[in-house]
Amino acid sequence: MRRNDDFIAECKRVDSCNEDEKQAVARQFELKKFKRYSEQYKGGSGSPRFKFSSISRWINFDCENKKGRLARIRICPGQVVIRFNLASMIKDKKALEKQIRLAKQVVNKNLATYEKLINEEAKIHKHKCVNFGIYIRLLDYLAMNKSPLECAKLVYPNRTEQTDYYLGQYVKSPIEAAKKMASDGYIYLSILNGKPKGKGIPLEL
């Protein structure tokens, strides 16, 4: 998250704002509570926690408003919006179970489709845990205004015998993958297999 440019900008924007504004930023980036990008991993706000196990809800109890209330909902990748009707549950006590059963069917059907898409995306972009150490180093060096060629020489020290042109081309794909992971790919970290590769990656900045 501390390498996500949009998140960094939003944290700076709400520095002097109230807690509601900060919590809105947390929701935007799938965090359960606001944690500033510059704070240590285990800082005053604790470790970052993501809200994938929780649900969002929008409620309208205004019976006088016959037209209903317009709710603007941003549907992020991997999300399904289902609307429950409380009025029908008043008349039919079993309506809740019926609606939940139907909702579960809808979710399971979409889950199977989404899982297939995620697996295909992982194959295309090769977002595997083994590359995360490389991604982090690339993002850090880029944040220090290093050129792609400089990044390649620092992150791939064993390829120094290759020409500058080849190194510059070689590092393009990893840089794109690193930026994508920092932008929105972090949401899917928990479902990817493997372990990060740490050997041979320079840690000096």
N, C-alpha and C. Protein backbone atom coordinates (compact mmCIF):
# COMPACT_ATOMS: atom_id res chain seq x y z
N MET A 1 0.82 -1.21 0.00
CA MET A 1 0.00 0.00 0.00
C MET A 1 0.86 1.26 0.00
N ARG A 2 1.99 1.25 0.67
CA ARG A 2 2.85 2.44 0.73
C ARG A 2 3.52 2.72 -0.61
N ARG A 3 3.36 1.81 -1.58
CA ARG A 3 3.90 2.01 -2.92
C ARG A 3 2.80 2.29 -3.94
N ASN A 4 1.58 2.48 -3.45
CA ASN A 4 0.44 2.78 -4.31
C ASN A 4 0.31 4.30 -4.42
N ASP A 5 0.58 4.86 -5.60
CA ASP A 5 0.60 6.31 -5.78
C ASP A 5 -0.74 6.96 -5.45
N ASP A 6 -1.84 6.31 -5.83
CA ASP A 6 -3.17 6.87 -5.55
C ASP A 6 -3.44 6.91 -4.04
N PHE A 7 -3.04 5.85 -3.36
CA PHE A 7 -3.24 5.78 -1.91
C PHE A 7 -2.40 6.84 -1.20
N ILE A 8 -1.17 7.02 -1.65
CA ILE A 8 -0.30 8.05 -1.06
C ILE A 8 -0.93 9.43 -1.21
N ALA A 9 -1.44 9.73 -2.41
CA ALA A 9 -2.06 11.03 -2.67
C ALA A 9 -3.29 11.24 -1.80
N GLU A 10 -4.10 10.19 -1.62
CA GLU A 10 -5.30 10.30 -0.80
C GLU A 10 -4.96 10.49 0.67
N CYS A 11 -3.93 9.80 1.14
CA CYS A 11 -3.50 9.96 2.54
C CYS A 11 -3.07 11.40 2.80
N LYS A 12 -2.33 11.97 1.87
CA LYS A 12 -1.88 13.35 2.03
C LYS A 12 -3.07 14.31 1.98
N ARG A 13 -4.05 13.99 1.14
CA ARG A 13 -5.22 14.86 1.00
C ARG A 13 -6.03 14.94 2.28
N VAL A 14 -6.15 13.83 3.00
CA VAL A 14 -7.00 13.79 4.20
C VAL A 14 -6.21 13.97 5.49
N ASP A 15 -4.97 14.41 5.39
CA ASP A 15 -4.13 14.60 6.59
C ASP A 15 -4.83 15.46 7.64
N SER A 16 -5.48 16.54 7.19
CA SER A 16 -6.13 17.46 8.13
C SER A 16 -7.64 17.27 8.18
N CYS A 17 -8.13 16.16 7.63
CA CYS A 17 -9.57 15.91 7.59
C CYS A 17 -10.00 15.11 8.82
N ASN A 18 -11.32 14.98 8.98
CA ASN A 18 -11.85 14.23 10.12
C ASN A 18 -11.77 12.72 9.86
N GLU A 19 -12.15 11.95 10.86
CA GLU A 19 -12.04 10.50 10.77
C GLU A 19 -12.95 9.90 9.71
N ASP A 20 -14.11 10.54 9.48
CA ASP A 20 -15.02 10.03 8.45
C ASP A 20 -14.38 10.08 7.07
N GLU A 21 -13.68 11.18 6.78
CA GLU A 21 -13.00 11.32 5.49
C GLU A 21 -11.90 10.27 5.36
N LYS A 22 -11.17 10.06 6.44
CA LYS A 22 -10.09 9.07 6.41
C LYS A 22 -10.64 7.66 6.24
N GLN A 23 -11.76 7.38 6.90
CA GLN A 23 -12.35 6.06 6.78
C GLN A 23 -12.89 5.82 5.38
N ALA A 24 -13.34 6.90 4.71
CA ALA A 24 -13.79 6.79 3.33
C ALA A 24 -12.64 6.37 2.43
N VAL A 25 -11.45 6.89 2.70
CA VAL A 25 -10.26 6.48 1.95
C VAL A 25 -9.95 5.01 2.22
N ALA A 26 -10.09 4.60 3.46
CA ALA A 26 -9.85 3.20 3.81
C ALA A 26 -10.78 2.29 3.01
N ARG A 27 -12.04 2.64 2.95
CA ARG A 27 -13.01 1.82 2.19
C ARG A 27 -12.65 1.79 0.72
N GLN A 28 -12.20 2.92 0.20
CA GLN A 28 -11.85 3.01 -1.22
C GLN A 28 -10.75 2.02 -1.60
N PHE A 29 -9.83 1.78 -0.67
CA PHE A 29 -8.71 0.90 -0.95
C PHE A 29 -8.82 -0.45 -0.23
N GLU A 30 -10.05 -0.80 0.16
CA GLU A 30 -10.35 -2.12 0.74
C GLU A 30 -9.73 -2.35 2.11
N LEU A 31 -9.43 -1.28 2.85
CA LEU A 31 -8.91 -1.40 4.21
C LEU A 31 -10.05 -1.34 5.21
N LYS A 32 -9.96 -2.10 6.29
CA LYS A 32 -11.00 -2.07 7.32
C LYS A 32 -10.94 -0.77 8.12
N LYS A 33 -9.73 -0.22 8.28
CA LYS A 33 -9.60 1.08 8.95
C LYS A 33 -8.43 1.84 8.34
N PHE A 34 -8.46 3.14 8.48
CA PHE A 34 -7.45 3.99 7.86
C PHE A 34 -6.09 3.79 8.50
N LYS A 35 -5.07 3.67 7.67
CA LYS A 35 -3.69 3.54 8.13
C LYS A 35 -2.83 4.29 7.12
N ARG A 36 -2.19 5.36 7.56
CA ARG A 36 -1.42 6.21 6.65
C ARG A 36 -0.26 5.44 6.02
N TYR A 37 0.02 5.77 4.77
CA TYR A 37 1.03 5.04 4.01
C TYR A 37 2.42 5.09 4.66
N SER A 38 2.73 6.21 5.35
CA SER A 38 4.06 6.40 5.93
C SER A 38 4.22 5.72 7.29
N GLU A 39 3.13 5.18 7.81
CA GLU A 39 3.20 4.52 9.12
C GLU A 39 3.85 3.15 8.98
N GLN A 40 4.60 2.75 9.99
CA GLN A 40 5.24 1.44 9.97
C GLN A 40 4.20 0.33 9.85
N TYR A 41 4.64 -0.82 9.35
CA TYR A 41 3.72 -1.94 9.16
C TYR A 41 2.94 -2.24 10.44
N LYS A 42 3.65 -2.31 11.56
CA LYS A 42 2.99 -2.50 12.86
C LYS A 42 3.15 -1.20 13.65
N GLY A 43 2.44 -0.18 13.22
CA GLY A 43 2.53 1.13 13.85
C GLY A 43 1.41 1.37 14.84
N GLY A 44 1.11 2.65 15.05
CA GLY A 44 0.07 3.02 16.02
C GLY A 44 -1.30 2.51 15.65
N SER A 45 -1.55 2.30 14.35
CA SER A 45 -2.85 1.78 13.90
C SER A 45 -2.87 0.27 13.82
N GLY A 46 -1.77 -0.35 14.25
CA GLY A 46 -1.69 -1.80 14.15
C GLY A 46 -1.30 -2.22 12.74
N SER A 47 -1.38 -3.50 12.46
CA SER A 47 -1.08 -4.00 11.12
C SER A 47 -2.23 -3.65 10.18
N PRO A 48 -1.95 -3.48 8.89
CA PRO A 48 -3.04 -3.20 7.95
C PRO A 48 -4.00 -4.38 7.87
N ARG A 49 -5.27 -4.09 7.88
CA ARG A 49 -6.28 -5.14 7.80
C ARG A 49 -7.22 -4.84 6.64
N PHE A 50 -7.50 -5.85 5.85
CA PHE A 50 -8.34 -5.67 4.68
C PHE A 50 -9.74 -6.20 4.96
N LYS A 51 -10.71 -5.65 4.27
CA LYS A 51 -12.11 -5.92 4.60
C LYS A 51 -12.77 -6.93 3.68
N PHE A 52 -12.01 -7.91 3.21
CA PHE A 52 -12.58 -8.88 2.29
C PHE A 52 -13.56 -9.83 2.95
N SER A 53 -13.46 -9.99 4.27
CA SER A 53 -14.37 -10.91 4.95
C SER A 53 -15.64 -10.20 5.44
N SER A 54 -15.72 -8.90 5.21
CA SER A 54 -16.89 -8.13 5.66
C SER A 54 -17.77 -7.78 4.47
N ILE A 55 -18.96 -7.28 4.75
CA ILE A 55 -19.88 -6.89 3.69
C ILE A 55 -20.24 -5.42 3.86
N SER A 56 -20.59 -4.79 2.76
CA SER A 56 -21.07 -3.41 2.79
C SER A 56 -22.59 -3.42 2.69
N ARG A 57 -23.22 -2.39 3.19
CA ARG A 57 -24.69 -2.36 3.12
C ARG A 57 -25.18 -0.93 2.91
N TRP A 58 -26.26 -0.82 2.18
CA TRP A 58 -26.95 0.45 1.97
C TRP A 58 -28.40 0.22 2.33
N ILE A 59 -28.93 1.04 3.24
CA ILE A 59 -30.28 0.81 3.79
C ILE A 59 -31.16 2.02 3.54
N ASN A 60 -32.41 1.79 3.23
CA ASN A 60 -33.37 2.86 3.05
C ASN A 60 -34.65 2.53 3.83
N PHE A 61 -34.89 3.26 4.93
CA PHE A 61 -36.08 3.06 5.74
C PHE A 61 -37.12 4.16 5.52
N ASP A 62 -36.88 5.03 4.55
CA ASP A 62 -37.77 6.16 4.31
C ASP A 62 -38.99 5.70 3.52
N CYS A 63 -40.07 5.37 4.24
CA CYS A 63 -41.28 4.85 3.59
C CYS A 63 -42.05 5.94 2.84
N GLU A 64 -41.80 7.21 3.18
CA GLU A 64 -42.51 8.32 2.53
C GLU A 64 -41.98 8.60 1.13
N ASN A 65 -40.76 8.21 0.90
CA ASN A 65 -40.14 8.47 -0.40
C ASN A 65 -40.48 7.34 -1.36
N LYS A 66 -41.53 7.54 -2.15
CA LYS A 66 -42.01 6.48 -3.05
C LYS A 66 -41.05 6.20 -4.19
N LYS A 67 -40.26 7.21 -4.56
CA LYS A 67 -39.32 7.02 -5.67
C LYS A 67 -38.07 6.28 -5.23
N GLY A 68 -37.89 6.15 -3.93
CA GLY A 68 -36.71 5.47 -3.43
C GLY A 68 -35.52 6.41 -3.36
N ARG A 69 -34.42 5.88 -2.91
CA ARG A 69 -33.19 6.67 -2.76
C ARG A 69 -32.14 6.16 -3.73
N LEU A 70 -31.53 7.11 -4.46
CA LEU A 70 -30.50 6.74 -5.41
C LEU A 70 -29.18 6.50 -4.67
N ALA A 71 -28.64 5.32 -4.80
CA ALA A 71 -27.37 4.97 -4.16
C ALA A 71 -26.31 4.79 -5.24
N ARG A 72 -25.27 5.59 -5.15
CA ARG A 72 -24.17 5.47 -6.11
C ARG A 72 -23.15 4.47 -5.54
N ILE A 73 -23.01 3.36 -6.21
CA ILE A 73 -22.15 2.29 -5.72
C ILE A 73 -21.06 2.02 -6.75
N ARG A 74 -19.83 2.05 -6.31
CA ARG A 74 -18.71 1.72 -7.19
C ARG A 74 -18.40 0.24 -7.02
N ILE A 75 -18.61 -0.52 -8.08
CA ILE A 75 -18.38 -1.96 -8.03
C ILE A 75 -16.95 -2.24 -8.46
N CYS A 76 -16.13 -2.67 -7.51
CA CYS A 76 -14.73 -2.98 -7.78
C CYS A 76 -14.61 -4.40 -8.34
N PRO A 77 -13.45 -4.72 -8.93
CA PRO A 77 -13.26 -6.08 -9.46
C PRO A 77 -13.52 -7.15 -8.39
N GLY A 78 -14.25 -8.17 -8.78
CA GLY A 78 -14.51 -9.27 -7.86
C GLY A 78 -15.62 -9.02 -6.87
N GLN A 79 -16.51 -8.07 -7.15
CA GLN A 79 -17.61 -7.76 -6.24
C GLN A 79 -18.96 -8.00 -6.91
N VAL A 80 -19.93 -8.41 -6.13
CA VAL A 80 -21.29 -8.63 -6.59
C VAL A 80 -22.24 -7.86 -5.69
N VAL A 81 -23.15 -7.12 -6.26
CA VAL A 81 -24.14 -6.37 -5.48
C VAL A 81 -25.48 -7.09 -5.56
N ILE A 82 -26.06 -7.41 -4.40
CA ILE A 82 -27.36 -8.08 -4.33
C ILE A 82 -28.29 -7.26 -3.43
N ARG A 83 -29.50 -7.04 -3.87
CA ARG A 83 -30.45 -6.24 -3.10
C ARG A 83 -31.48 -7.15 -2.43
N PHE A 84 -31.66 -6.98 -1.11
CA PHE A 84 -32.66 -7.74 -0.36
C PHE A 84 -33.88 -6.86 -0.12
N ASN A 85 -35.03 -7.47 -0.13
CA ASN A 85 -36.30 -6.76 0.07
C ASN A 85 -36.85 -7.08 1.46
N LEU A 86 -36.76 -6.11 2.38
CA LEU A 86 -37.24 -6.32 3.75
C LEU A 86 -38.76 -6.39 3.81
N ALA A 87 -39.43 -5.66 2.92
CA ALA A 87 -40.89 -5.61 2.96
C ALA A 87 -41.50 -7.00 2.78
N SER A 88 -40.92 -7.79 1.88
CA SER A 88 -41.47 -9.13 1.65
C SER A 88 -41.25 -10.05 2.85
N MET A 89 -40.23 -9.74 3.66
CA MET A 89 -39.95 -10.57 4.83
C MET A 89 -40.96 -10.34 5.94
N ILE A 90 -41.60 -9.16 5.94
CA ILE A 90 -42.64 -8.89 6.95
C ILE A 90 -43.85 -9.78 6.71
N LYS A 91 -44.20 -9.96 5.45
CA LYS A 91 -45.37 -10.75 5.10
C LYS A 91 -45.07 -12.25 5.14
N ASP A 92 -43.86 -12.60 4.76
CA ASP A 92 -43.49 -14.01 4.69
C ASP A 92 -42.22 -14.22 5.51
N LYS A 93 -42.33 -14.87 6.65
CA LYS A 93 -41.20 -15.07 7.55
C LYS A 93 -40.12 -15.96 6.92
N LYS A 94 -40.48 -16.71 5.89
CA LYS A 94 -39.49 -17.56 5.22
C LYS A 94 -38.81 -16.84 4.06
N ALA A 95 -39.23 -15.61 3.81
CA ALA A 95 -38.66 -14.86 2.67
C ALA A 95 -37.17 -14.61 2.84
N LEU A 96 -36.75 -14.41 4.09
CA LEU A 96 -35.34 -14.17 4.34
C LEU A 96 -34.50 -15.37 3.89
N GLU A 97 -34.93 -16.57 4.31
CA GLU A 97 -34.19 -17.77 3.93
C GLU A 97 -34.21 -17.96 2.42
N LYS A 98 -35.34 -17.63 1.79
CA LYS A 98 -35.44 -17.77 0.34
C LYS A 98 -34.47 -16.83 -0.37
N GLN A 99 -34.45 -15.56 0.08
CA GLN A 99 -33.58 -14.59 -0.56
C GLN A 99 -32.10 -14.91 -0.32
N ILE A 100 -31.78 -15.38 0.87
CA ILE A 100 -30.39 -15.75 1.17
C ILE A 100 -29.97 -16.95 0.32
N ARG A 101 -30.89 -17.91 0.16
CA ARG A 101 -30.58 -19.09 -0.65
C ARG A 101 -30.32 -18.69 -2.11
N LEU A 102 -31.16 -17.80 -2.64
CA LEU A 102 -30.97 -17.33 -4.01
C LEU A 102 -29.68 -16.53 -4.15
N ALA A 103 -29.42 -15.69 -3.13
CA ALA A 103 -28.19 -14.88 -3.15
C ALA A 103 -26.96 -15.78 -3.15
N LYS A 104 -27.00 -16.85 -2.36
CA LYS A 104 -25.87 -17.78 -2.29
C LYS A 104 -25.65 -18.46 -3.64
N GLN A 105 -26.73 -18.80 -4.33
CA GLN A 105 -26.61 -19.41 -5.65
C GLN A 105 -25.95 -18.45 -6.63
N VAL A 106 -26.38 -17.17 -6.57
CA VAL A 106 -25.82 -16.15 -7.46
C VAL A 106 -24.33 -15.96 -7.18
N VAL A 107 -23.98 -15.87 -5.89
CA VAL A 107 -22.58 -15.66 -5.51
C VAL A 107 -21.72 -16.84 -5.95
N ASN A 108 -22.17 -18.06 -5.70
CA ASN A 108 -21.39 -19.24 -6.07
C ASN A 108 -21.18 -19.33 -7.58
N LYS A 109 -22.22 -18.98 -8.33
CA LYS A 109 -22.11 -19.01 -9.79
C LYS A 109 -21.08 -17.99 -10.27
N ASN A 110 -21.15 -16.79 -9.71
CA ASN A 110 -20.21 -15.74 -10.11
C ASN A 110 -18.81 -16.02 -9.59
N LEU A 111 -18.72 -16.68 -8.43
CA LEU A 111 -17.42 -17.02 -7.87
C LEU A 111 -16.66 -17.95 -8.79
N ALA A 112 -17.35 -18.94 -9.34
CA ALA A 112 -16.71 -19.88 -10.26
C ALA A 112 -16.18 -19.16 -11.50
N THR A 113 -16.97 -18.23 -12.01
CA THR A 113 -16.55 -17.45 -13.18
C THR A 113 -15.35 -16.58 -12.85
N TYR A 114 -15.43 -15.92 -11.70
CA TYR A 114 -14.36 -15.00 -11.30
C TYR A 114 -13.06 -15.75 -11.02
N GLU A 115 -13.16 -16.90 -10.40
CA GLU A 115 -11.97 -17.69 -10.10
C GLU A 115 -11.26 -18.09 -11.39
N LYS A 116 -12.04 -18.42 -12.40
CA LYS A 116 -11.45 -18.78 -13.70
C LYS A 116 -10.74 -17.58 -14.31
N LEU A 117 -11.36 -16.40 -14.22
CA LEU A 117 -10.75 -15.19 -14.77
C LEU A 117 -9.45 -14.85 -14.05
N ILE A 118 -9.46 -14.98 -12.72
CA ILE A 118 -8.26 -14.68 -11.93
C ILE A 118 -7.12 -15.63 -12.28
N ASN A 119 -7.44 -16.90 -12.44
CA ASN A 119 -6.41 -17.87 -12.79
C ASN A 119 -5.82 -17.57 -14.17
N GLU A 120 -6.68 -17.17 -15.10
CA GLU A 120 -6.20 -16.81 -16.43
C GLU A 120 -5.33 -15.56 -16.37
N GLU A 121 -5.74 -14.58 -15.56
CA GLU A 121 -4.96 -13.35 -15.41
C GLU A 121 -3.59 -13.65 -14.80
N ALA A 122 -3.56 -14.54 -13.83
CA ALA A 122 -2.30 -14.90 -13.18
C ALA A 122 -1.34 -15.54 -14.19
N LYS A 123 -1.88 -16.34 -15.11
CA LYS A 123 -1.04 -16.98 -16.12
C LYS A 123 -0.46 -15.95 -17.09
N ILE A 124 -1.31 -14.97 -17.45
CA ILE A 124 -0.89 -13.97 -18.44
C ILE A 124 0.17 -13.05 -17.86
N HIS A 125 -0.08 -12.52 -16.66
CA HIS A 125 0.81 -11.53 -16.08
C HIS A 125 1.87 -12.13 -15.16
N LYS A 126 1.77 -13.43 -14.90
CA LYS A 126 2.77 -14.10 -14.06
C LYS A 126 2.93 -13.43 -12.70
N HIS A 127 1.81 -13.07 -12.10
CA HIS A 127 1.86 -12.47 -10.76
C HIS A 127 2.01 -13.59 -9.74
N LYS A 128 3.21 -14.01 -9.54
CA LYS A 128 3.49 -15.08 -8.60
C LYS A 128 4.29 -14.53 -7.43
N CYS A 129 4.12 -15.15 -6.29
CA CYS A 129 4.79 -14.67 -5.08
C CYS A 129 6.30 -14.60 -5.24
N VAL A 130 6.85 -15.46 -6.07
CA VAL A 130 8.29 -15.52 -6.22
C VAL A 130 8.84 -14.19 -6.73
N ASN A 131 8.00 -13.39 -7.41
CA ASN A 131 8.47 -12.14 -8.00
C ASN A 131 8.28 -10.93 -7.10
N PHE A 132 7.64 -11.08 -5.96
CA PHE A 132 7.27 -9.90 -5.17
C PHE A 132 8.47 -9.12 -4.65
N GLY A 133 9.52 -9.83 -4.27
CA GLY A 133 10.72 -9.14 -3.81
C GLY A 133 11.29 -8.25 -4.90
N ILE A 134 11.28 -8.75 -6.13
CA ILE A 134 11.76 -7.97 -7.27
C ILE A 134 10.85 -6.77 -7.50
N TYR A 135 9.54 -6.99 -7.42
CA TYR A 135 8.58 -5.89 -7.63
C TYR A 135 8.83 -4.76 -6.63
N ILE A 136 9.01 -5.12 -5.37
CA ILE A 136 9.19 -4.11 -4.32
C ILE A 136 10.46 -3.31 -4.56
N ARG A 137 11.56 -3.99 -4.92
CA ARG A 137 12.81 -3.28 -5.19
C ARG A 137 12.64 -2.33 -6.37
N LEU A 138 11.99 -2.80 -7.44
CA LEU A 138 11.78 -1.96 -8.62
C LEU A 138 10.99 -0.71 -8.27
N LEU A 139 9.91 -0.88 -7.52
CA LEU A 139 9.09 0.27 -7.13
C LEU A 139 9.86 1.25 -6.26
N ASP A 140 10.68 0.73 -5.37
CA ASP A 140 11.47 1.60 -4.49
C ASP A 140 12.51 2.39 -5.29
N TYR A 141 13.17 1.73 -6.22
CA TYR A 141 14.18 2.42 -7.01
C TYR A 141 13.53 3.45 -7.94
N LEU A 142 12.36 3.11 -8.50
CA LEU A 142 11.66 4.07 -9.35
C LEU A 142 11.23 5.29 -8.55
N ALA A 143 10.83 5.07 -7.29
CA ALA A 143 10.45 6.18 -6.41
C ALA A 143 11.64 7.08 -6.11
N MET A 144 12.85 6.55 -6.25
CA MET A 144 14.07 7.33 -6.06
C MET A 144 14.54 7.97 -7.35
N ASN A 145 13.64 7.95 -8.38
CA ASN A 145 13.92 8.55 -9.69
C ASN A 145 15.04 7.84 -10.45
N LYS A 146 15.19 6.54 -10.19
CA LYS A 146 16.12 5.75 -10.97
C LYS A 146 15.50 5.45 -12.34
N SER A 147 16.32 5.42 -13.37
CA SER A 147 15.84 5.08 -14.70
C SER A 147 15.58 3.58 -14.78
N PRO A 148 14.77 3.11 -15.75
CA PRO A 148 14.55 1.67 -15.88
C PRO A 148 15.85 0.90 -16.04
N LEU A 149 16.81 1.47 -16.77
CA LEU A 149 18.10 0.79 -16.94
C LEU A 149 18.84 0.68 -15.61
N GLU A 150 18.84 1.75 -14.83
CA GLU A 150 19.48 1.71 -13.51
C GLU A 150 18.80 0.68 -12.62
N CYS A 151 17.47 0.61 -12.70
CA CYS A 151 16.72 -0.38 -11.91
C CYS A 151 17.14 -1.80 -12.30
N ALA A 152 17.27 -2.02 -13.60
CA ALA A 152 17.65 -3.34 -14.08
C ALA A 152 19.02 -3.75 -13.56
N LYS A 153 19.97 -2.82 -13.57
CA LYS A 153 21.33 -3.14 -13.11
C LYS A 153 21.36 -3.40 -11.61
N LEU A 154 20.48 -2.71 -10.86
CA LEU A 154 20.46 -2.89 -9.42
C LEU A 154 19.73 -4.17 -9.00
N VAL A 155 18.62 -4.46 -9.67
CA VAL A 155 17.79 -5.60 -9.27
C VAL A 155 18.26 -6.91 -9.90
N TYR A 156 18.90 -6.82 -11.06
CA TYR A 156 19.41 -8.02 -11.73
C TYR A 156 20.93 -7.92 -11.89
N PRO A 157 21.66 -7.97 -10.78
CA PRO A 157 23.12 -7.79 -10.84
C PRO A 157 23.83 -8.88 -11.62
N ASN A 158 23.21 -10.04 -11.78
CA ASN A 158 23.85 -11.14 -12.49
C ASN A 158 23.74 -11.02 -14.01
N ARG A 159 23.03 -9.99 -14.47
CA ARG A 159 22.86 -9.79 -15.91
C ARG A 159 23.70 -8.63 -16.45
N THR A 160 24.70 -8.23 -15.70
CA THR A 160 25.50 -7.06 -16.08
C THR A 160 26.30 -7.28 -17.36
N GLU A 161 26.48 -8.55 -17.75
CA GLU A 161 27.24 -8.81 -18.98
C GLU A 161 26.42 -8.50 -20.23
N GLN A 162 25.11 -8.31 -20.07
CA GLN A 162 24.24 -8.03 -21.21
C GLN A 162 24.28 -6.55 -21.56
N THR A 163 23.91 -6.23 -22.78
CA THR A 163 23.97 -4.84 -23.24
C THR A 163 22.92 -4.00 -22.52
N ASP A 164 23.16 -2.68 -22.48
CA ASP A 164 22.21 -1.77 -21.84
C ASP A 164 20.85 -1.84 -22.53
N TYR A 165 20.87 -1.97 -23.85
CA TYR A 165 19.60 -2.04 -24.59
C TYR A 165 18.79 -3.26 -24.15
N TYR A 166 19.45 -4.41 -24.07
CA TYR A 166 18.75 -5.64 -23.68
C TYR A 166 18.22 -5.54 -22.26
N LEU A 167 19.03 -5.00 -21.36
CA LEU A 167 18.60 -4.85 -19.97
C LEU A 167 17.39 -3.93 -19.88
N GLY A 168 17.41 -2.83 -20.64
CA GLY A 168 16.28 -1.90 -20.62
C GLY A 168 15.00 -2.54 -21.10
N GLN A 169 15.12 -3.39 -22.12
CA GLN A 169 13.94 -4.10 -22.64
C GLN A 169 13.49 -5.18 -21.67
N TYR A 170 14.45 -5.85 -21.05
CA TYR A 170 14.16 -6.97 -20.15
C TYR A 170 13.36 -6.52 -18.93
N VAL A 171 13.63 -5.30 -18.44
CA VAL A 171 13.02 -4.84 -17.20
C VAL A 171 11.64 -4.21 -17.42
N LYS A 172 11.25 -3.99 -18.66
CA LYS A 172 9.97 -3.32 -18.95
C LYS A 172 8.78 -4.11 -18.38
N SER A 173 8.74 -5.40 -18.66
CA SER A 173 7.61 -6.22 -18.20
C SER A 173 7.54 -6.30 -16.68
N PRO A 174 8.67 -6.56 -15.97
CA PRO A 174 8.60 -6.57 -14.51
C PRO A 174 8.15 -5.23 -13.92
N ILE A 175 8.54 -4.11 -14.51
CA ILE A 175 8.13 -2.80 -14.00
C ILE A 175 6.63 -2.62 -14.16
N GLU A 176 6.09 -3.00 -15.31
CA GLU A 176 4.64 -2.91 -15.54
C GLU A 176 3.90 -3.80 -14.54
N ALA A 177 4.40 -5.01 -14.31
CA ALA A 177 3.76 -5.93 -13.37
C ALA A 177 3.83 -5.38 -11.95
N ALA A 178 4.96 -4.76 -11.59
CA ALA A 178 5.11 -4.20 -10.25
C ALA A 178 4.13 -3.05 -10.03
N LYS A 179 3.98 -2.19 -11.02
CA LYS A 179 3.05 -1.06 -10.90
C LYS A 179 1.61 -1.55 -10.79
N LYS A 180 1.29 -2.59 -11.55
CA LYS A 180 -0.08 -3.13 -11.49
C LYS A 180 -0.35 -3.75 -10.12
N MET A 181 0.66 -4.44 -9.57
CA MET A 181 0.48 -5.06 -8.26
C MET A 181 0.26 -4.01 -7.18
N ALA A 182 0.99 -2.89 -7.27
CA ALA A 182 0.84 -1.82 -6.29
C ALA A 182 -0.47 -1.08 -6.47
N SER A 183 -0.97 -1.03 -7.71
CA SER A 183 -2.19 -0.29 -8.00
C SER A 183 -3.44 -1.03 -7.52
N ASP A 184 -3.61 -2.28 -7.93
CA ASP A 184 -4.80 -3.03 -7.51
C ASP A 184 -4.55 -4.52 -7.30
N GLY A 185 -3.40 -5.01 -7.74
CA GLY A 185 -3.12 -6.43 -7.62
C GLY A 185 -2.98 -6.91 -6.19
N TYR A 186 -2.68 -5.99 -5.26
CA TYR A 186 -2.52 -6.38 -3.85
C TYR A 186 -3.80 -7.02 -3.30
N ILE A 187 -4.92 -6.72 -3.91
CA ILE A 187 -6.20 -7.26 -3.46
C ILE A 187 -6.21 -8.79 -3.56
N TYR A 188 -5.43 -9.33 -4.50
CA TYR A 188 -5.49 -10.77 -4.76
C TYR A 188 -4.31 -11.54 -4.18
N LEU A 189 -3.50 -10.89 -3.35
CA LEU A 189 -2.31 -11.55 -2.83
C LEU A 189 -2.64 -12.85 -2.09
N SER A 190 -3.74 -12.86 -1.37
CA SER A 190 -4.05 -14.00 -0.51
C SER A 190 -4.39 -15.27 -1.29
N ILE A 191 -4.71 -15.15 -2.59
CA ILE A 191 -5.11 -16.34 -3.34
C ILE A 191 -3.99 -16.86 -4.23
N LEU A 192 -2.84 -16.18 -4.24
CA LEU A 192 -1.74 -16.64 -5.07
C LEU A 192 -0.86 -17.63 -4.32
N ASN A 193 -0.28 -18.56 -5.07
CA ASN A 193 0.53 -19.60 -4.48
C ASN A 193 2.02 -19.25 -4.53
N GLY A 194 2.80 -19.97 -3.75
CA GLY A 194 4.24 -19.80 -3.78
C GLY A 194 4.74 -18.90 -2.67
N LYS A 195 6.06 -18.76 -2.62
CA LYS A 195 6.71 -17.91 -1.62
C LYS A 195 7.64 -16.93 -2.32
N PRO A 196 7.81 -15.72 -1.76
CA PRO A 196 8.72 -14.74 -2.37
C PRO A 196 10.15 -15.27 -2.41
N LYS A 197 10.86 -14.88 -3.48
CA LYS A 197 12.27 -15.24 -3.61
C LYS A 197 13.10 -14.07 -3.13
N GLY A 198 13.88 -14.27 -2.07
CA GLY A 198 14.64 -13.18 -1.49
C GLY A 198 16.12 -13.21 -1.81
N LYS A 199 16.66 -14.36 -2.20
CA LYS A 199 18.09 -14.48 -2.43
C LYS A 199 18.48 -13.74 -3.71
N GLY A 200 19.57 -13.02 -3.63
CA GLY A 200 20.10 -12.34 -4.82
C GLY A 200 19.47 -11.00 -5.10
N ILE A 201 18.54 -10.55 -4.24
CA ILE A 201 17.92 -9.23 -4.45
C ILE A 201 18.58 -8.24 -3.51
N PRO A 202 19.27 -7.23 -4.05
CA PRO A 202 19.96 -6.27 -3.18
C PRO A 202 18.98 -5.45 -2.37
N LEU A 203 19.27 -5.26 -1.08
CA LEU A 203 18.37 -4.51 -0.20
C LEU A 203 18.86 -3.11 0.07
N GLU A 204 20.08 -2.78 -0.36
CA GLU A 204 20.61 -1.46 -0.10
C GLU A 204 19.90 -0.42 -0.94
N LEU A 205 19.58 0.74 -0.32
CA LEU A 205 18.96 1.85 -1.05
C LEU A 205 19.88 3.06 -0.97
